[in-house]
Amino acid sequence: MKTQMIVIGLVLLMGSACTEEQAEELLGNLGKSDCYKNLDAVFDLQNERYQRDAFRENVDDEGNTQSLKTCKRGQVVANETIRSLKFYSNSGTDGCTGEEILEIEARYADRIIELNEDLESTWNRCEEVYGSE
């Protein structure tokens, strides 16, 4: 009964202090190693950087969001993100449990596949869509 009250108290506390997304992340990471939490944060940061640099803040000198220059920049960002995710999934797992490593590797591999699909469908077609310089 005491444990249930503590859990209910924690849920209520998190619910009032966090957004729903933050509360879900906190609950999802309960019992996870610091290694896992760090790699989870790196994953989120890499995805945020990709969205920001390839899309939201990708503007050329004339203020265009769709041009050969912005397309090429998106291509570079996608490739950099893939390299970073491969690096962290292969070398940043010290201190993770075997189960956590499998989960991390699967999550990172799925995202790398998605980014490669972005490259094929969008970023590798810059000259085809916008012409050459």
C-alpha atoms as a PDB file:
ATOM      1  CA  MET A   1       0.000   0.000   0.000  1.00  0.00           C
ATOM      2  CA  LYS A   2       2.825   2.371   0.869  1.00  0.00           C
ATOM      3  CA  THR A   3       4.516   1.681  -2.500  1.00  0.00           C
ATOM      4  CA  GLN A   4       1.264   2.330  -4.360  1.00  0.00           C
ATOM      5  CA  MET A   5       0.884   5.688  -2.622  1.00  0.00           C
ATOM      6  CA  ILE A   6       4.445   6.633  -3.556  1.00  0.00           C
ATOM      7  CA  VAL A   7       3.864   5.690  -7.193  1.00  0.00           C
ATOM      8  CA  ILE A   8       0.571   7.606  -7.293  1.00  0.00           C
ATOM      9  CA  GLY A   9       2.288  10.595  -5.685  1.00  0.00           C
ATOM     10  CA  LEU A  10       5.100  10.483  -8.262  1.00  0.00           C
ATOM     11  CA  VAL A  11       2.638  10.258 -11.144  1.00  0.00           C
ATOM     12  CA  LEU A  12       0.656  13.219  -9.805  1.00  0.00           C
ATOM     13  CA  LEU A  13       3.828  15.207  -9.221  1.00  0.00           C
ATOM     14  CA  MET A  14       5.133  14.494 -12.721  1.00  0.00           C
ATOM     15  CA  GLY A  15       1.723  15.279 -14.180  1.00  0.00           C
ATOM     16  CA  SER A  16       1.697  18.716 -12.648  1.00  0.00           C
ATOM     17  CA  ALA A  17       5.339  19.560 -13.324  1.00  0.00           C
ATOM     18  CA  CYS A  18       5.838  18.097 -16.820  1.00  0.00           C
ATOM     19  CA  THR A  19       4.199  18.003 -20.182  1.00  0.00           C
ATOM     20  CA  GLU A  20       2.588  14.711 -21.120  1.00  0.00           C
ATOM     21  CA  GLU A  21       5.514  13.927 -23.435  1.00  0.00           C
ATOM     22  CA  GLN A  22       8.066  14.603 -20.703  1.00  0.00           C
ATOM     23  CA  ALA A  23       6.136  12.469 -18.213  1.00  0.00           C
ATOM     24  CA  GLU A  24       5.974   9.572 -20.699  1.00  0.00           C
ATOM     25  CA  GLU A  25       9.718   9.851 -21.303  1.00  0.00           C
ATOM     26  CA  LEU A  26      10.463   9.884 -17.570  1.00  0.00           C
ATOM     27  CA  LEU A  27       8.258   6.850 -16.962  1.00  0.00           C
ATOM     28  CA  GLY A  28       9.750   5.066 -19.986  1.00  0.00           C
ATOM     29  CA  ASN A  29      13.272   5.617 -18.693  1.00  0.00           C
ATOM     30  CA  LEU A  30      12.600   4.387 -15.150  1.00  0.00           C
ATOM     31  CA  GLY A  31      15.068   1.630 -14.377  1.00  0.00           C
ATOM     32  CA  LYS A  32      17.210   2.383 -17.439  1.00  0.00           C
ATOM     33  CA  SER A  33      20.959   2.825 -17.105  1.00  0.00           C
ATOM     34  CA  ASP A  34      22.683   6.174 -17.473  1.00  0.00           C
ATOM     35  CA  CYS A  35      24.208   4.814 -20.663  1.00  0.00           C
ATOM     36  CA  TYR A  36      20.733   4.231 -22.122  1.00  0.00           C
ATOM     37  CA  LYS A  37      19.483   7.645 -20.995  1.00  0.00           C
ATOM     38  CA  ASN A  38      22.518   9.327 -22.561  1.00  0.00           C
ATOM     39  CA  LEU A  39      22.061   7.500 -25.873  1.00  0.00           C
ATOM     40  CA  ASP A  40      18.349   8.296 -25.793  1.00  0.00           C
ATOM     41  CA  ALA A  41      19.203  11.988 -25.349  1.00  0.00           C
ATOM     42  CA  VAL A  42      21.775  11.830 -28.171  1.00  0.00           C
ATOM     43  CA  PHE A  43      19.147  10.235 -30.436  1.00  0.00           C
ATOM     44  CA  ASP A  44      16.678  13.025 -29.673  1.00  0.00           C
ATOM     45  CA  LEU A  45      19.335  15.725 -30.170  1.00  0.00           C
ATOM     46  CA  GLN A  46      20.429  14.279 -33.511  1.00  0.00           C
ATOM     47  CA  ASN A  47      16.830  14.161 -34.731  1.00  0.00           C
ATOM     48  CA  GLU A  48      16.170  17.712 -33.559  1.00  0.00           C
ATOM     49  CA  ARG A  49      19.346  18.925 -35.285  1.00  0.00           C
ATOM     50  CA  TYR A  50      18.340  17.167 -38.507  1.00  0.00           C
ATOM     51  CA  GLN A  51      14.852  18.708 -38.449  1.00  0.00           C
ATOM     52  CA  ARG A  52      16.247  22.156 -37.658  1.00  0.00           C
ATOM     53  CA  ASP A  53      19.199  22.208 -40.046  1.00  0.00           C
ATOM     54  CA  ALA A  54      17.665  20.309 -42.975  1.00  0.00           C
ATOM     55  CA  PHE A  55      14.196  21.865 -42.840  1.00  0.00           C
ATOM     56  CA  ARG A  56      13.221  24.655 -40.425  1.00  0.00           C
ATOM     57  CA  GLU A  57      16.341  26.829 -40.668  1.00  0.00           C
ATOM     58  CA  ASN A  58      17.560  25.781 -44.109  1.00  0.00           C
ATOM     59  CA  VAL A  59      17.385  29.005 -46.111  1.00  0.00           C
ATOM     60  CA  ASP A  60      19.656  30.149 -48.935  1.00  0.00           C
ATOM     61  CA  ASP A  61      21.156  33.633 -49.429  1.00  0.00           C
ATOM     62  CA  GLU A  62      18.019  34.870 -51.221  1.00  0.00           C
ATOM     63  CA  GLY A  63      15.690  33.625 -48.476  1.00  0.00           C
ATOM     64  CA  ASN A  64      14.482  30.562 -50.388  1.00  0.00           C
ATOM     65  CA  THR A  65      13.768  27.338 -48.551  1.00  0.00           C
ATOM     66  CA  GLN A  66      13.690  25.295 -51.742  1.00  0.00           C
ATOM     67  CA  SER A  67      16.735  25.676 -53.949  1.00  0.00           C
ATOM     68  CA  LEU A  68      19.757  23.705 -55.087  1.00  0.00           C
ATOM     69  CA  LYS A  69      21.792  25.206 -52.237  1.00  0.00           C
ATOM     70  CA  THR A  70      19.278  24.282 -49.515  1.00  0.00           C
ATOM     71  CA  CYS A  71      18.813  20.833 -51.035  1.00  0.00           C
ATOM     72  CA  LYS A  72      22.577  20.220 -50.989  1.00  0.00           C
ATOM     73  CA  ARG A  73      22.706  21.462 -47.381  1.00  0.00           C
ATOM     74  CA  GLY A  74      19.932  19.003 -46.475  1.00  0.00           C
ATOM     75  CA  GLN A  75      21.939  16.232 -48.117  1.00  0.00           C
ATOM     76  CA  VAL A  76      24.997  17.097 -46.011  1.00  0.00           C
ATOM     77  CA  VAL A  77      22.942  17.256 -42.807  1.00  0.00           C
ATOM     78  CA  ALA A  78      21.314  13.884 -43.529  1.00  0.00           C
ATOM     79  CA  ASN A  79      24.711  12.259 -44.139  1.00  0.00           C
ATOM     80  CA  GLU A  80      26.182  13.836 -40.989  1.00  0.00           C
ATOM     81  CA  THR A  81      23.224  12.623 -38.939  1.00  0.00           C
ATOM     82  CA  ILE A  82      23.619   9.083 -40.288  1.00  0.00           C
ATOM     83  CA  ARG A  83      27.351   9.109 -39.441  1.00  0.00           C
ATOM     84  CA  SER A  84      26.668  10.397 -35.917  1.00  0.00           C
ATOM     85  CA  LEU A  85      23.955   7.823 -35.240  1.00  0.00           C
ATOM     86  CA  LYS A  86      26.216   5.006 -36.477  1.00  0.00           C
ATOM     87  CA  PHE A  87      29.075   6.253 -34.305  1.00  0.00           C
ATOM     88  CA  TYR A  88      27.002   6.492 -31.115  1.00  0.00           C
ATOM     89  CA  SER A  89      25.177   3.196 -31.640  1.00  0.00           C
ATOM     90  CA  ASN A  90      28.502   1.398 -32.153  1.00  0.00           C
ATOM     91  CA  SER A  91      30.696   3.061 -29.569  1.00  0.00           C
ATOM     92  CA  GLY A  92      28.543   4.674 -26.902  1.00  0.00           C
ATOM     93  CA  THR A  93      27.067   1.595 -25.272  1.00  0.00           C
ATOM     94  CA  ASP A  94      29.527   1.076 -22.400  1.00  0.00           C
ATOM     95  CA  GLY A  95      27.445   0.654 -19.255  1.00  0.00           C
ATOM     96  CA  CYS A  96      24.263  -0.397 -21.054  1.00  0.00           C
ATOM     97  CA  THR A  97      22.662  -3.768 -20.419  1.00  0.00           C
ATOM     98  CA  GLY A  98      22.444  -6.287 -23.255  1.00  0.00           C
ATOM     99  CA  GLU A  99      18.711  -5.630 -23.610  1.00  0.00           C
ATOM    100  CA  GLU A 100      19.294  -1.869 -23.718  1.00  0.00           C
ATOM    101  CA  ILE A 101      21.979  -2.276 -26.394  1.00  0.00           C
ATOM    102  CA  LEU A 102      19.592  -4.295 -28.565  1.00  0.00           C
ATOM    103  CA  GLU A 103      16.859  -1.684 -28.101  1.00  0.00           C
ATOM    104  CA  ILE A 104      19.236   1.187 -28.882  1.00  0.00           C
ATOM    105  CA  GLU A 105      20.722  -0.542 -31.916  1.00  0.00           C
ATOM    106  CA  ALA A 106      17.245  -1.261 -33.294  1.00  0.00           C
ATOM    107  CA  ARG A 107      16.043   2.305 -32.722  1.00  0.00           C
ATOM    108  CA  TYR A 108      19.156   3.818 -34.281  1.00  0.00           C
ATOM    109  CA  ALA A 109      19.091   1.356 -37.203  1.00  0.00           C
ATOM    110  CA  ASP A 110      15.443   2.202 -37.941  1.00  0.00           C
ATOM    111  CA  ARG A 111      16.246   5.913 -37.962  1.00  0.00           C
ATOM    112  CA  ILE A 112      19.274   5.362 -40.219  1.00  0.00           C
ATOM    113  CA  ILE A 113      17.024   3.494 -42.660  1.00  0.00           C
ATOM    114  CA  GLU A 114      14.565   6.418 -42.615  1.00  0.00           C
ATOM    115  CA  LEU A 115      17.380   8.902 -43.254  1.00  0.00           C
ATOM    116  CA  ASN A 116      18.712   6.791 -46.132  1.00  0.00           C
ATOM    117  CA  GLU A 117      15.194   6.803 -47.582  1.00  0.00           C
ATOM    118  CA  ASP A 118      15.176  10.619 -47.240  1.00  0.00           C
ATOM    119  CA  LEU A 119      18.472  10.694 -49.124  1.00  0.00           C
ATOM    120  CA  GLU A 120      17.121   8.517 -51.919  1.00  0.00           C
ATOM    121  CA  SER A 121      13.770  10.263 -52.282  1.00  0.00           C
ATOM    122  CA  THR A 122      14.845  13.869 -51.728  1.00  0.00           C
ATOM    123  CA  TRP A 123      18.428  14.854 -51.003  1.00  0.00           C
ATOM    124  CA  ASN A 124      20.133  12.785 -53.726  1.00  0.00           C
ATOM    125  CA  ARG A 125      17.820  14.275 -56.349  1.00  0.00           C
ATOM    126  CA  CYS A 126      18.898  17.924 -55.958  1.00  0.00           C
ATOM    127  CA  GLU A 127      20.278  18.376 -59.487  1.00  0.00           C
ATOM    128  CA  GLU A 128      17.348  16.501 -60.981  1.00  0.00           C
ATOM    129  CA  VAL A 129      14.858  18.831 -59.268  1.00  0.00           C
ATOM    130  CA  TYR A 130      16.744  22.156 -59.252  1.00  0.00           C
ATOM    131  CA  GLY A 131      19.308  21.782 -62.035  1.00  0.00           C
ATOM    132  CA  SER A 132      23.025  22.234 -61.580  1.00  0.00           C
ATOM    133  CA  GLU A 133      24.867  25.393 -60.600  1.00  0.00           C
END
